[in-house]
């Protein structure tokens, strides 16, 4: 998850996972945890250097480092029987229900982040 979206999701929120394989059905799920610290490295499944959607580069010790801040969100399927029918690793998209977002607040946060970044804090 991108940093801009972090404040919009919380534990217990509903989501729906859409597998990249169109033959598989969507899966309803709930967020069980949202990391508040950005990920220092990525799994190959997510990294752009292996076909994933997160821009990443190869770092030292064969790690994959994201180019911008990304945050891990853990999801649990609402039906436990679905886990036995799906492959162990499955790529796709998750759409998470969230509240509205103020464009003014978003612009303010970006401006403050730019000031902090440019001032060297």
PDB file of N, CA and C in Angstrom:
ATOM      1  N   UNK A   1       0.839  -1.165   0.000  1.00  0.00           N
ATOM      2  CA  UNK A   1       0.000   0.000   0.000  1.00  0.00           C
ATOM      3  C   UNK A   1       0.891   1.237   0.000  1.00  0.00           C
ATOM      4  N   UNK A   2       0.486   2.245  -0.746  1.00  0.00           N
ATOM      5  CA  UNK A   2       1.244   3.491  -0.822  1.00  0.00           C
ATOM      6  C   UNK A   2       1.006   4.341   0.421  1.00  0.00           C
ATOM      7  N   UNK A   3       1.959   5.210   0.710  1.00  0.00           N
ATOM      8  CA  UNK A   3       1.896   6.054   1.900  1.00  0.00           C
ATOM      9  C   UNK A   3       0.658   6.952   1.897  1.00  0.00           C
ATOM     10  N   UNK A   4       0.269   7.464   0.739  1.00  0.00           N
ATOM     11  CA  UNK A   4      -0.906   8.340   0.654  1.00  0.00           C
ATOM     12  C   UNK A   4      -2.189   7.639   1.100  1.00  0.00           C
ATOM     13  N   UNK A   5      -2.243   6.325   0.975  1.00  0.00           N
ATOM     14  CA  UNK A   5      -3.447   5.572   1.307  1.00  0.00           C
ATOM     15  C   UNK A   5      -3.450   5.040   2.738  1.00  0.00           C
ATOM     16  N   UNK A   6      -2.338   5.174   3.436  1.00  0.00           N
ATOM     17  CA  UNK A   6      -2.173   4.555   4.750  1.00  0.00           C
ATOM     18  C   UNK A   6      -3.217   5.004   5.759  1.00  0.00           C
ATOM     19  N   UNK A   7      -3.554   6.278   5.791  1.00  0.00           N
ATOM     20  CA  UNK A   7      -4.491   6.792   6.785  1.00  0.00           C
ATOM     21  C   UNK A   7      -5.941   6.436   6.486  1.00  0.00           C
ATOM     22  N   UNK A   8      -6.205   5.897   5.319  1.00  0.00           N
ATOM     23  CA  UNK A   8      -7.577   5.571   4.951  1.00  0.00           C
ATOM     24  C   UNK A   8      -8.013   4.180   5.367  1.00  0.00           C
ATOM     25  N   UNK A   9      -7.096   3.323   5.748  1.00  0.00           N
ATOM     26  CA  UNK A   9      -7.469   1.951   6.095  1.00  0.00           C
ATOM     27  C   UNK A   9      -7.166   1.674   7.557  1.00  0.00           C
ATOM     28  N   UNK A  10      -7.912   0.750   8.106  1.00  0.00           N
ATOM     29  CA  UNK A  10      -7.701   0.379   9.497  1.00  0.00           C
ATOM     30  C   UNK A  10      -8.026  -1.095   9.682  1.00  0.00           C
ATOM     31  N   UNK A  11      -7.563  -1.655  10.791  1.00  0.00           N
ATOM     32  CA  UNK A  11      -7.842  -3.050  11.094  1.00  0.00           C
ATOM     33  C   UNK A  11      -9.350  -3.289  11.083  1.00  0.00           C
ATOM     34  N   UNK A  12      -9.757  -4.420  10.518  1.00  0.00           N
ATOM     35  CA  UNK A  12     -11.159  -4.794  10.474  1.00  0.00           C
ATOM     36  C   UNK A  12     -11.897  -4.310   9.244  1.00  0.00           C
ATOM     37  N   UNK A  13     -11.278  -3.438   8.441  1.00  0.00           N
ATOM     38  CA  UNK A  13     -11.945  -2.944   7.234  1.00  0.00           C
ATOM     39  C   UNK A  13     -12.172  -4.095   6.253  1.00  0.00           C
ATOM     40  N   UNK A  14     -13.227  -3.994   5.477  1.00  0.00           N
ATOM     41  CA  UNK A  14     -13.546  -5.018   4.488  1.00  0.00           C
ATOM     42  C   UNK A  14     -12.797  -4.754   3.188  1.00  0.00           C
ATOM     43  N   UNK A  15     -12.478  -5.832   2.525  1.00  0.00           N
ATOM     44  CA  UNK A  15     -11.824  -5.736   1.228  1.00  0.00           C
ATOM     45  C   UNK A  15     -12.282  -6.870   0.336  1.00  0.00           C
ATOM     46  N   UNK A  16     -11.857  -6.805  -0.899  1.00  0.00           N
ATOM     47  CA  UNK A  16     -12.171  -7.877  -1.860  1.00  0.00           C
ATOM     48  C   UNK A  16     -10.941  -8.074  -2.726  1.00  0.00           C
ATOM     49  N   UNK A  17     -10.467  -9.323  -2.772  1.00  0.00           N
ATOM     50  CA  UNK A  17      -9.292  -9.690  -3.547  1.00  0.00           C
ATOM     51  C   UNK A  17      -9.741 -10.252  -4.890  1.00  0.00           C
ATOM     52  N   UNK A  18      -9.179  -9.671  -5.962  1.00  0.00           N
ATOM     53  CA  UNK A  18      -9.463 -10.126  -7.322  1.00  0.00           C
ATOM     54  C   UNK A  18      -8.193 -10.754  -7.881  1.00  0.00           C
ATOM     55  N   UNK A  19      -8.166 -12.093  -8.005  1.00  0.00           N
ATOM     56  CA  UNK A  19      -6.981 -12.759  -8.555  1.00  0.00           C
ATOM     57  C   UNK A  19      -6.711 -12.337  -9.995  1.00  0.00           C
ATOM     58  N   UNK A  20      -5.435 -12.299 -10.374  1.00  0.00           N
ATOM     59  CA  UNK A  20      -5.073 -12.018 -11.765  1.00  0.00           C
ATOM     60  C   UNK A  20      -5.607 -13.115 -12.692  1.00  0.00           C
ATOM     61  N   UNK A  21      -5.730 -14.323 -12.173  1.00  0.00           N
ATOM     62  CA  UNK A  21      -6.283 -15.448 -12.937  1.00  0.00           C
ATOM     63  C   UNK A  21      -7.805 -15.299 -12.969  1.00  0.00           C
ATOM     64  N   UNK A  22      -8.363 -14.925 -14.120  1.00  0.00           N
ATOM     65  CA  UNK A  22      -9.794 -14.660 -14.249  1.00  0.00           C
ATOM     66  C   UNK A  22     -10.659 -15.899 -14.000  1.00  0.00           C
ATOM     67  N   UNK A  23     -10.060 -17.093 -14.023  1.00  0.00           N
ATOM     68  CA  UNK A  23     -10.826 -18.312 -13.773  1.00  0.00           C
ATOM     69  C   UNK A  23     -11.144 -18.482 -12.286  1.00  0.00           C
ATOM     70  N   UNK A  24     -10.461 -17.728 -11.427  1.00  0.00           N
ATOM     71  CA  UNK A  24     -10.685 -17.823  -9.982  1.00  0.00           C
ATOM     72  C   UNK A  24     -11.637 -16.719  -9.530  1.00  0.00           C
ATOM     73  N   UNK A  25     -12.498 -17.034  -8.556  1.00  0.00           N
ATOM     74  CA  UNK A  25     -13.477 -16.037  -8.103  1.00  0.00           C
ATOM     75  C   UNK A  25     -12.836 -15.001  -7.169  1.00  0.00           C
ATOM     76  N   UNK A  26     -13.458 -13.814  -7.054  1.00  0.00           N
ATOM     77  CA  UNK A  26     -12.994 -12.847  -6.061  1.00  0.00           C
ATOM     78  C   UNK A  26     -13.200 -13.402  -4.652  1.00  0.00           C
ATOM     79  N   UNK A  27     -12.411 -12.916  -3.708  1.00  0.00           N
ATOM     80  CA  UNK A  27     -12.468 -13.408  -2.332  1.00  0.00           C
ATOM     81  C   UNK A  27     -12.705 -12.221  -1.396  1.00  0.00           C
ATOM     82  N   UNK A  28     -13.779 -12.276  -0.607  1.00  0.00           N
ATOM     83  CA  UNK A  28     -14.026 -11.261   0.407  1.00  0.00           C
ATOM     84  C   UNK A  28     -13.048 -11.472   1.562  1.00  0.00           C
ATOM     85  N   UNK A  29     -12.531 -10.379   2.107  1.00  0.00           N
ATOM     86  CA  UNK A  29     -11.548 -10.498   3.181  1.00  0.00           C
ATOM     87  C   UNK A  29     -11.656  -9.314   4.140  1.00  0.00           C
ATOM     88  N   UNK A  30     -10.928  -9.407   5.238  1.00  0.00           N
ATOM     89  CA  UNK A  30     -10.856  -8.334   6.234  1.00  0.00           C
ATOM     90  C   UNK A  30      -9.393  -8.050   6.538  1.00  0.00           C
ATOM     91  N   UNK A  31      -9.110  -6.791   6.810  1.00  0.00           N
ATOM     92  CA  UNK A  31      -7.751  -6.413   7.201  1.00  0.00           C
ATOM     93  C   UNK A  31      -7.523  -6.847   8.636  1.00  0.00           C
ATOM     94  N   UNK A  32      -6.430  -7.565   8.853  1.00  0.00           N
ATOM     95  CA  UNK A  32      -6.077  -7.980  10.208  1.00  0.00           C
ATOM     96  C   UNK A  32      -4.935  -7.150  10.776  1.00  0.00           C
ATOM     97  N   UNK A  33      -4.136  -6.522   9.902  1.00  0.00           N
ATOM     98  CA  UNK A  33      -3.038  -5.686  10.388  1.00  0.00           C
ATOM     99  C   UNK A  33      -2.550  -4.760   9.288  1.00  0.00           C
ATOM    100  N   UNK A  34      -2.235  -3.528   9.678  1.00  0.00           N
ATOM    101  CA  UNK A  34      -1.621  -2.553   8.779  1.00  0.00           C
ATOM    102  C   UNK A  34      -0.316  -2.114   9.429  1.00  0.00           C
ATOM    103  N   UNK A  35       0.804  -2.373   8.765  1.00  0.00           N
ATOM    104  CA  UNK A  35       2.095  -1.938   9.304  1.00  0.00           C
ATOM    105  C   UNK A  35       2.186  -0.424   9.228  1.00  0.00           C
ATOM    106  N   UNK A  36       2.692   0.196  10.271  1.00  0.00           N
ATOM    107  CA  UNK A  36       2.830   1.654  10.304  1.00  0.00           C
ATOM    108  C   UNK A  36       4.242   2.105   9.935  1.00  0.00           C
ATOM    109  N   UNK A  37       5.142   1.157   9.745  1.00  0.00           N
ATOM    110  CA  UNK A  37       6.500   1.457   9.269  1.00  0.00           C
ATOM    111  C   UNK A  37       6.617   0.918   7.851  1.00  0.00           C
ATOM    112  N   UNK A  38       7.273   1.671   6.980  1.00  0.00           N
ATOM    113  CA  UNK A  38       7.383   1.239   5.593  1.00  0.00           C
ATOM    114  C   UNK A  38       8.276   0.003   5.481  1.00  0.00           C
ATOM    115  N   UNK A  39       8.006  -0.794   4.481  1.00  0.00           N
ATOM    116  CA  UNK A  39       8.762  -2.030   4.266  1.00  0.00           C
ATOM    117  C   UNK A  39      10.172  -1.704   3.776  1.00  0.00           C
ATOM    118  N   UNK A  40      11.168  -2.329   4.389  1.00  0.00           N
ATOM    119  CA  UNK A  40      12.562  -2.105   3.987  1.00  0.00           C
ATOM    120  C   UNK A  40      12.930  -2.942   2.765  1.00  0.00           C
ATOM    121  N   UNK A  41      12.240  -4.071   2.590  1.00  0.00           N
ATOM    122  CA  UNK A  41      12.482  -4.904   1.413  1.00  0.00           C
ATOM    123  C   UNK A  41      11.178  -5.587   1.007  1.00  0.00           C
ATOM    124  N   UNK A  42      11.194  -6.156  -0.183  1.00  0.00           N
ATOM    125  CA  UNK A  42       9.987  -6.736  -0.763  1.00  0.00           C
ATOM    126  C   UNK A  42      10.169  -8.202  -1.094  1.00  0.00           C
ATOM    127  N   UNK A  43       9.043  -8.879  -1.187  1.00  0.00           N
ATOM    128  CA  UNK A  43       9.011 -10.226  -1.732  1.00  0.00           C
ATOM    129  C   UNK A  43       9.114 -10.112  -3.245  1.00  0.00           C
ATOM    130  N   UNK A  44       9.732 -11.064  -3.916  1.00  0.00           N
ATOM    131  CA  UNK A  44       9.829 -11.014  -5.380  1.00  0.00           C
ATOM    132  C   UNK A  44       8.465 -10.918  -6.076  1.00  0.00           C
ATOM    133  N   UNK A  45       7.403 -11.412  -5.441  1.00  0.00           N
ATOM    134  CA  UNK A  45       6.070 -11.388  -6.049  1.00  0.00           C
ATOM    135  C   UNK A  45       5.584  -9.968  -6.313  1.00  0.00           C
ATOM    136  N   UNK A  46       6.036  -9.009  -5.502  1.00  0.00           N
ATOM    137  CA  UNK A  46       5.556  -7.639  -5.621  1.00  0.00           C
ATOM    138  C   UNK A  46       6.495  -6.736  -6.400  1.00  0.00           C
ATOM    139  N   UNK A  47       7.765  -7.104  -6.494  1.00  0.00           N
ATOM    140  CA  UNK A  47       8.796  -6.234  -7.066  1.00  0.00           C
ATOM    141  C   UNK A  47       8.711  -6.132  -8.585  1.00  0.00           C
ATOM    142  N   UNK A  48       8.866  -4.906  -9.089  1.00  0.00           N
ATOM    143  CA  UNK A  48       8.793  -4.658 -10.532  1.00  0.00           C
ATOM    144  C   UNK A  48       9.873  -5.407 -11.310  1.00  0.00           C
ATOM    145  N   UNK A  49      11.003  -5.656 -10.693  1.00  0.00           N
ATOM    146  CA  UNK A  49      12.080  -6.351 -11.408  1.00  0.00           C
ATOM    147  C   UNK A  49      11.714  -7.803 -11.721  1.00  0.00           C
ATOM    148  N   UNK A  50      10.651  -8.317 -11.085  1.00  0.00           N
ATOM    149  CA  UNK A  50      10.159  -9.666 -11.367  1.00  0.00           C
ATOM    150  C   UNK A  50       8.716  -9.655 -11.871  1.00  0.00           C
ATOM    151  N   UNK A  51       8.272  -8.510 -12.413  1.00  0.00           N
ATOM    152  CA  UNK A  51       6.941  -8.432 -12.981  1.00  0.00           C
ATOM    153  C   UNK A  51       5.863  -7.945 -12.034  1.00  0.00           C
ATOM    154  N   UNK A  52       6.219  -7.615 -10.804  1.00  0.00           N
ATOM    155  CA  UNK A  52       5.243  -7.088  -9.856  1.00  0.00           C
ATOM    156  C   UNK A  52       4.937  -5.628 -10.118  1.00  0.00           C
ATOM    157  N   UNK A  53       4.066  -5.052  -9.292  1.00  0.00           N
ATOM    158  CA  UNK A  53       3.617  -3.679  -9.525  1.00  0.00           C
ATOM    159  C   UNK A  53       4.319  -2.638  -8.665  1.00  0.00           C
ATOM    160  N   UNK A  54       5.176  -3.058  -7.742  1.00  0.00           N
ATOM    161  CA  UNK A  54       5.866  -2.104  -6.880  1.00  0.00           C
ATOM    162  C   UNK A  54       7.255  -1.824  -7.455  1.00  0.00           C
ATOM    163  N   UNK A  55       7.506  -0.546  -7.764  1.00  0.00           N
ATOM    164  CA  UNK A  55       8.816  -0.165  -8.300  1.00  0.00           C
ATOM    165  C   UNK A  55       9.892  -0.506  -7.275  1.00  0.00           C
ATOM    166  N   UNK A  56      10.874  -1.289  -7.711  1.00  0.00           N
ATOM    167  CA  UNK A  56      11.918  -1.758  -6.793  1.00  0.00           C
ATOM    168  C   UNK A  56      13.230  -1.918  -7.532  1.00  0.00           C
ATOM    169  N   UNK A  57      14.299  -1.964  -6.748  1.00  0.00           N
ATOM    170  CA  UNK A  57      15.637  -2.203  -7.299  1.00  0.00           C
ATOM    171  C   UNK A  57      16.295  -3.295  -6.466  1.00  0.00           C
ATOM    172  N   UNK A  58      17.304  -3.910  -7.055  1.00  0.00           N
ATOM    173  CA  UNK A  58      18.040  -4.937  -6.322  1.00  0.00           C
ATOM    174  C   UNK A  58      19.029  -4.252  -5.384  1.00  0.00           C
ATOM    175  N   UNK A  59      18.990  -4.643  -4.132  1.00  0.00           N
ATOM    176  CA  UNK A  59      19.883  -4.092  -3.122  1.00  0.00           C
ATOM    177  C   UNK A  59      20.957  -5.102  -2.745  1.00  0.00           C
ATOM    178  N   UNK A  60      21.692  -4.803  -1.710  1.00  0.00           N
ATOM    179  CA  UNK A  60      22.725  -5.715  -1.230  1.00  0.00           C
ATOM    180  C   UNK A  60      22.133  -6.988  -0.660  1.00  0.00           C
ATOM    181  N   UNK A  61      22.916  -8.037  -0.641  1.00  0.00           N
ATOM    182  CA  UNK A  61      22.497  -9.344  -0.120  1.00  0.00           C
ATOM    183  C   UNK A  61      21.256  -9.892  -0.804  1.00  0.00           C
ATOM    184  N   UNK A  62      21.096  -9.591  -2.098  1.00  0.00           N
ATOM    185  CA  UNK A  62      19.984 -10.103  -2.916  1.00  0.00           C
ATOM    186  C   UNK A  62      18.618  -9.649  -2.407  1.00  0.00           C
ATOM    187  N   UNK A  63      18.553  -8.501  -1.744  1.00  0.00           N
ATOM    188  CA  UNK A  63      17.263  -7.978  -1.303  1.00  0.00           C
ATOM    189  C   UNK A  63      16.653  -7.128  -2.397  1.00  0.00           C
ATOM    190  N   UNK A  64      15.365  -6.929  -2.320  1.00  0.00           N
ATOM    191  CA  UNK A  64      14.636  -6.072  -3.248  1.00  0.00           C
ATOM    192  C   UNK A  64      14.122  -4.876  -2.449  1.00  0.00           C
ATOM    193  N   UNK A  65      14.568  -3.690  -2.839  1.00  0.00           N
ATOM    194  CA  UNK A  65      14.278  -2.468  -2.091  1.00  0.00           C
ATOM    195  C   UNK A  65      13.241  -1.636  -2.845  1.00  0.00           C
ATOM    196  N   UNK A  66      12.127  -1.273  -2.188  1.00  0.00           N
ATOM    197  CA  UNK A  66      11.134  -0.447  -2.878  1.00  0.00           C
ATOM    198  C   UNK A  66      11.673   0.953  -3.153  1.00  0.00           C
ATOM    199  N   UNK A  67      11.292   1.522  -4.294  1.00  0.00           N
ATOM    200  CA  UNK A  67      11.746   2.857  -4.683  1.00  0.00           C
ATOM    201  C   UNK A  67      11.055   3.955  -3.882  1.00  0.00           C
ATOM    202  N   UNK A  68       9.860   3.697  -3.375  1.00  0.00           N
ATOM    203  CA  UNK A  68       9.156   4.654  -2.525  1.00  0.00           C
ATOM    204  C   UNK A  68       8.561   3.888  -1.343  1.00  0.00           C
ATOM    205  N   UNK A  69       8.061   4.624  -0.379  1.00  0.00           N
ATOM    206  CA  UNK A  69       7.518   3.985   0.824  1.00  0.00           C
ATOM    207  C   UNK A  69       6.285   3.150   0.488  1.00  0.00           C
ATOM    208  N   UNK A  70       6.302   1.901   0.912  1.00  0.00           N
ATOM    209  CA  UNK A  70       5.149   1.014   0.786  1.00  0.00           C
ATOM    210  C   UNK A  70       4.924   0.350   2.140  1.00  0.00           C
ATOM    211  N   UNK A  71       3.685   0.015   2.421  1.00  0.00           N
ATOM    212  CA  UNK A  71       3.310  -0.525   3.721  1.00  0.00           C
ATOM    213  C   UNK A  71       2.588  -1.849   3.548  1.00  0.00           C
ATOM    214  N   UNK A  72       2.909  -2.796   4.409  1.00  0.00           N
ATOM    215  CA  UNK A  72       2.298  -4.122   4.330  1.00  0.00           C
ATOM    216  C   UNK A  72       0.928  -4.110   5.004  1.00  0.00           C
ATOM    217  N   UNK A  73      -0.024  -4.711   4.323  1.00  0.00           N
ATOM    218  CA  UNK A  73      -1.379  -4.875   4.843  1.00  0.00           C
ATOM    219  C   UNK A  73      -1.681  -6.367   4.816  1.00  0.00           C
ATOM    220  N   UNK A  74      -2.030  -6.930   5.967  1.00  0.00           N
ATOM    221  CA  UNK A  74      -2.362  -8.353   6.037  1.00  0.00           C
ATOM    222  C   UNK A  74      -3.875  -8.522   5.995  1.00  0.00           C
ATOM    223  N   UNK A  75      -4.308  -9.473   5.176  1.00  0.00           N
ATOM    224  CA  UNK A  75      -5.732  -9.730   4.983  1.00  0.00           C
ATOM    225  C   UNK A  75      -6.057 -11.171   5.322  1.00  0.00           C
ATOM    226  N   UNK A  76      -7.265 -11.399   5.788  1.00  0.00           N
ATOM    227  CA  UNK A  76      -7.728 -12.750   6.078  1.00  0.00           C
ATOM    228  C   UNK A  76      -9.031 -12.982   5.315  1.00  0.00           C
ATOM    229  N   UNK A  77      -9.109 -14.083   4.554  1.00  0.00           N
ATOM    230  CA  UNK A  77     -10.364 -14.382   3.843  1.00  0.00           C
ATOM    231  C   UNK A  77     -11.500 -14.587   4.835  1.00  0.00           C
ATOM    232  N   UNK A  78     -12.694 -14.168   4.467  1.00  0.00           N
ATOM    233  CA  UNK A  78     -13.841 -14.338   5.361  1.00  0.00           C
ATOM    234  C   UNK A  78     -14.281 -15.795   5.451  1.00  0.00           C
ATOM    235  N   UNK A  79     -14.030 -16.567   4.414  1.00  0.00           N
ATOM    236  CA  UNK A  79     -14.359 -17.997   4.434  1.00  0.00           C
ATOM    237  C   UNK A  79     -13.065 -18.789   4.539  1.00  0.00           C
ATOM    238  N   UNK A  80     -12.933 -19.619   5.554  1.00  0.00           N
ATOM    239  CA  UNK A  80     -11.694 -20.383   5.750  1.00  0.00           C
ATOM    240  C   UNK A  80     -11.518 -21.483   4.711  1.00  0.00           C
ATOM    241  N   UNK A  81     -12.602 -21.986   4.122  1.00  0.00           N
ATOM    242  CA  UNK A  81     -12.475 -23.072   3.143  1.00  0.00           C
ATOM    243  C   UNK A  81     -11.827 -22.605   1.842  1.00  0.00           C
ATOM    244  N   UNK A  82     -11.810 -21.307   1.602  1.00  0.00           N
ATOM    245  CA  UNK A  82     -11.229 -20.785   0.359  1.00  0.00           C
ATOM    246  C   UNK A  82      -9.723 -21.016   0.320  1.00  0.00           C
ATOM    247  N   UNK A  83      -9.075 -21.068   1.479  1.00  0.00           N
ATOM    248  CA  UNK A  83      -7.623 -21.248   1.541  1.00  0.00           C
ATOM    249  C   UNK A  83      -7.180 -22.579   0.962  1.00  0.00           C
ATOM    250  N   UNK A  84      -7.983 -23.600   1.088  1.00  0.00           N
ATOM    251  CA  UNK A  84      -7.610 -24.924   0.575  1.00  0.00           C
ATOM    252  C   UNK A  84      -7.818 -25.033  -0.928  1.00  0.00           C
ATOM    253  N   UNK A  85      -8.612 -24.135  -1.501  1.00  0.00           N
ATOM    254  CA  UNK A  85      -8.905 -24.209  -2.935  1.00  0.00           C
ATOM    255  C   UNK A  85      -8.007 -23.324  -3.784  1.00  0.00           C
ATOM    256  N   UNK A  86      -7.273 -22.399  -3.164  1.00  0.00           N
ATOM    257  CA  UNK A  86      -6.425 -21.479  -3.920  1.00  0.00           C
ATOM    258  C   UNK A  86      -4.972 -21.934  -3.899  1.00  0.00           C
ATOM    259  N   UNK A  87      -4.207 -21.589  -4.932  1.00  0.00           N
ATOM    260  CA  UNK A  87      -2.774 -21.881  -4.911  1.00  0.00           C
ATOM    261  C   UNK A  87      -2.115 -21.152  -3.742  1.00  0.00           C
ATOM    262  N   UNK A  88      -0.961 -21.637  -3.330  1.00  0.00           N
ATOM    263  CA  UNK A  88      -0.265 -21.033  -2.186  1.00  0.00           C
ATOM    264  C   UNK A  88       0.058 -19.566  -2.437  1.00  0.00           C
ATOM    265  N   UNK A  89       0.556 -19.240  -3.612  1.00  0.00           N
ATOM    266  CA  UNK A  89       0.870 -17.856  -3.965  1.00  0.00           C
ATOM    267  C   UNK A  89      -0.007 -17.440  -5.118  1.00  0.00           C
ATOM    268  N   UNK A  90      -0.674 -16.311  -4.951  1.00  0.00           N
ATOM    269  CA  UNK A  90      -1.620 -15.863  -5.963  1.00  0.00           C
ATOM    270  C   UNK A  90      -1.559 -14.344  -6.052  1.00  0.00           C
ATOM    271  N   UNK A  91      -1.251 -13.843  -7.250  1.00  0.00           N
ATOM    272  CA  UNK A  91      -1.194 -12.396  -7.450  1.00  0.00           C
ATOM    273  C   UNK A  91      -2.548 -11.868  -7.869  1.00  0.00           C
ATOM    274  N   UNK A  92      -2.803 -10.606  -7.506  1.00  0.00           N
ATOM    275  CA  UNK A  92      -4.047  -9.971  -7.875  1.00  0.00           C
ATOM    276  C   UNK A  92      -4.123  -8.581  -7.290  1.00  0.00           C
ATOM    277  N   UNK A  93      -5.302  -8.033  -7.248  1.00  0.00           N
ATOM    278  CA  UNK A  93      -5.558  -6.693  -6.721  1.00  0.00           C
ATOM    279  C   UNK A  93      -6.540  -6.794  -5.561  1.00  0.00           C
ATOM    280  N   UNK A  94      -6.336  -5.947  -4.567  1.00  0.00           N
ATOM    281  CA  UNK A  94      -7.259  -5.873  -3.434  1.00  0.00           C
ATOM    282  C   UNK A  94      -7.888  -4.489  -3.432  1.00  0.00           C
ATOM    283  N   UNK A  95      -9.191  -4.447  -3.320  1.00  0.00           N
ATOM    284  CA  UNK A  95      -9.918  -3.191  -3.187  1.00  0.00           C
ATOM    285  C   UNK A  95     -10.461  -3.139  -1.770  1.00  0.00           C
ATOM    286  N   UNK A  96     -10.110  -2.085  -1.039  1.00  0.00           N
ATOM    287  CA  UNK A  96     -10.449  -1.964   0.371  1.00  0.00           C
ATOM    288  C   UNK A  96     -11.462  -0.837   0.550  1.00  0.00           C
ATOM    289  N   UNK A  97     -12.520  -1.130   1.306  1.00  0.00           N
ATOM    290  CA  UNK A  97     -13.531  -0.110   1.602  1.00  0.00           C
ATOM    291  C   UNK A  97     -12.934   0.891   2.586  1.00  0.00           C
ATOM    292  N   UNK A  98     -13.082   2.178   2.266  1.00  0.00           N
ATOM    293  CA  UNK A  98     -12.570   3.210   3.170  1.00  0.00           C
ATOM    294  C   UNK A  98     -13.480   4.425   3.110  1.00  0.00           C
ATOM    295  N   UNK A  99     -13.297   5.302   4.060  1.00  0.00           N
ATOM    296  CA  UNK A  99     -14.086   6.527   4.103  1.00  0.00           C
ATOM    297  C   UNK A  99     -13.627   7.509   3.042  1.00  0.00           C
ATOM    298  N   UNK A 100     -14.315   8.628   2.965  1.00  0.00           N
ATOM    299  CA  UNK A 100     -13.953   9.675   2.023  1.00  0.00           C
ATOM    300  C   UNK A 100     -12.621  10.309   2.384  1.00  0.00           C
ATOM    301  N   UNK A 101     -12.082  11.077   1.450  1.00  0.00           N
ATOM    302  CA  UNK A 101     -10.786  11.706   1.660  1.00  0.00           C
ATOM    303  C   UNK A 101     -10.849  13.160   1.201  1.00  0.00           C
ATOM    304  N   UNK A 102     -10.392  14.041   2.056  1.00  0.00           N
ATOM    305  CA  UNK A 102     -10.385  15.461   1.743  1.00  0.00           C
ATOM    306  C   UNK A 102      -9.199  15.786   0.839  1.00  0.00           C
ATOM    307  N   UNK A 103      -9.479  16.412  -0.307  1.00  0.00           N
ATOM    308  CA  UNK A 103      -8.403  16.814  -1.208  1.00  0.00           C
ATOM    309  C   UNK A 103      -7.547  17.907  -0.579  1.00  0.00           C
ATOM    310  N   UNK A 104      -8.159  18.774   0.209  1.00  0.00           N
ATOM    311  CA  UNK A 104      -7.416  19.832   0.884  1.00  0.00           C
ATOM    312  C   UNK A 104      -6.437  19.241   1.896  1.00  0.00           C
ATOM    313  N   UNK A 105      -6.895  18.256   2.664  1.00  0.00           N
ATOM    314  CA  UNK A 105      -6.013  17.606   3.644  1.00  0.00           C
ATOM    315  C   UNK A 105      -4.861  16.904   2.940  1.00  0.00           C
ATOM    316  N   UNK A 106      -5.143  16.249   1.839  1.00  0.00           N
ATOM    317  CA  UNK A 106      -4.089  15.563   1.084  1.00  0.00           C
ATOM    318  C   UNK A 106      -3.050  16.563   0.567  1.00  0.00           C
ATOM    319  N   UNK A 107      -3.503  17.694   0.023  1.00  0.00           N
ATOM    320  CA  UNK A 107      -2.587  18.730  -0.464  1.00  0.00           C
ATOM    321  C   UNK A 107      -1.741  19.287   0.679  1.00  0.00           C
ATOM    322  N   UNK A 108      -2.364  19.496   1.845  1.00  0.00           N
ATOM    323  CA  UNK A 108      -1.647  19.998   3.022  1.00  0.00           C
ATOM    324  C   UNK A 108      -0.541  19.026   3.428  1.00  0.00           C
ATOM    325  N   UNK A 109      -0.865  17.742   3.499  1.00  0.00           N
ATOM    326  CA  UNK A 109       0.144  16.735   3.895  1.00  0.00           C
ATOM    327  C   UNK A 109       1.307  16.695   2.910  1.00  0.00           C
ATOM    328  N   UNK A 110       1.023  16.786   1.618  1.00  0.00           N
ATOM    329  CA  UNK A 110       2.081  16.775   0.622  1.00  0.00           C
ATOM    330  C   UNK A 110       2.967  18.009   0.745  1.00  0.00           C
ATOM    331  N   UNK A 111       2.352  19.164   1.028  1.00  0.00           N
ATOM    332  CA  UNK A 111       3.126  20.398   1.196  1.00  0.00           C
ATOM    333  C   UNK A 111       4.025  20.305   2.424  1.00  0.00           C
ATOM    334  N   UNK A 112       3.500  19.815   3.531  1.00  0.00           N
ATOM    335  CA  UNK A 112       4.298  19.666   4.750  1.00  0.00           C
ATOM    336  C   UNK A 112       5.432  18.665   4.520  1.00  0.00           C
ATOM    337  N   UNK A 113       5.150  17.571   3.850  1.00  0.00           N
ATOM    338  CA  UNK A 113       6.188  16.571   3.570  1.00  0.00           C
ATOM    339  C   UNK A 113       7.293  17.170   2.707  1.00  0.00           C
ATOM    340  N   UNK A 114       6.926  17.998   1.729  1.00  0.00           N
ATOM    341  CA  UNK A 114       7.936  18.640   0.872  1.00  0.00           C
ATOM    342  C   UNK A 114       8.799  19.603   1.661  1.00  0.00           C
ATOM    343  N   UNK A 115       8.197  20.367   2.565  1.00  0.00           N
ATOM    344  CA  UNK A 115       8.949  21.306   3.400  1.00  0.00           C
ATOM    345  C   UNK A 115       9.941  20.547   4.286  1.00  0.00           C
ATOM    346  N   UNK A 116       9.469  19.482   4.911  1.00  0.00           N
ATOM    347  CA  UNK A 116      10.341  18.681   5.773  1.00  0.00           C
ATOM    348  C   UNK A 116      11.463  18.058   4.973  1.00  0.00           C
ATOM    349  N   UNK A 117      11.134  17.515   3.813  1.00  0.00           N
ATOM    350  CA  UNK A 117      12.127  16.858   2.973  1.00  0.00           C
ATOM    351  C   UNK A 117      13.194  17.866   2.508  1.00  0.00           C
ATOM    352  N   UNK A 118      12.779  19.050   2.109  1.00  0.00           N
ATOM    353  CA  UNK A 118      13.708  20.059   1.597  1.00  0.00           C
ATOM    354  C   UNK A 118      14.524  20.729   2.703  1.00  0.00           C
ATOM    355  N   UNK A 119      13.984  20.754   3.922  1.00  0.00           N
ATOM    356  CA  UNK A 119      14.699  21.406   5.017  1.00  0.00           C
ATOM    357  C   UNK A 119      15.751  20.520   5.641  1.00  0.00           C
ATOM    358  N   UNK A 120      15.733  19.232   5.338  1.00  0.00           N
ATOM    359  CA  UNK A 120      16.751  18.311   5.849  1.00  0.00           C
ATOM    360  C   UNK A 120      16.425  17.689   7.184  1.00  0.00           C
ATOM    361  N   UNK A 121      15.185  17.791   7.670  1.00  0.00           N
ATOM    362  CA  UNK A 121      14.818  17.167   8.938  1.00  0.00           C
ATOM    363  C   UNK A 121      14.820  15.682   8.832  1.00  0.00           C
TER     364      UNK A 121
END
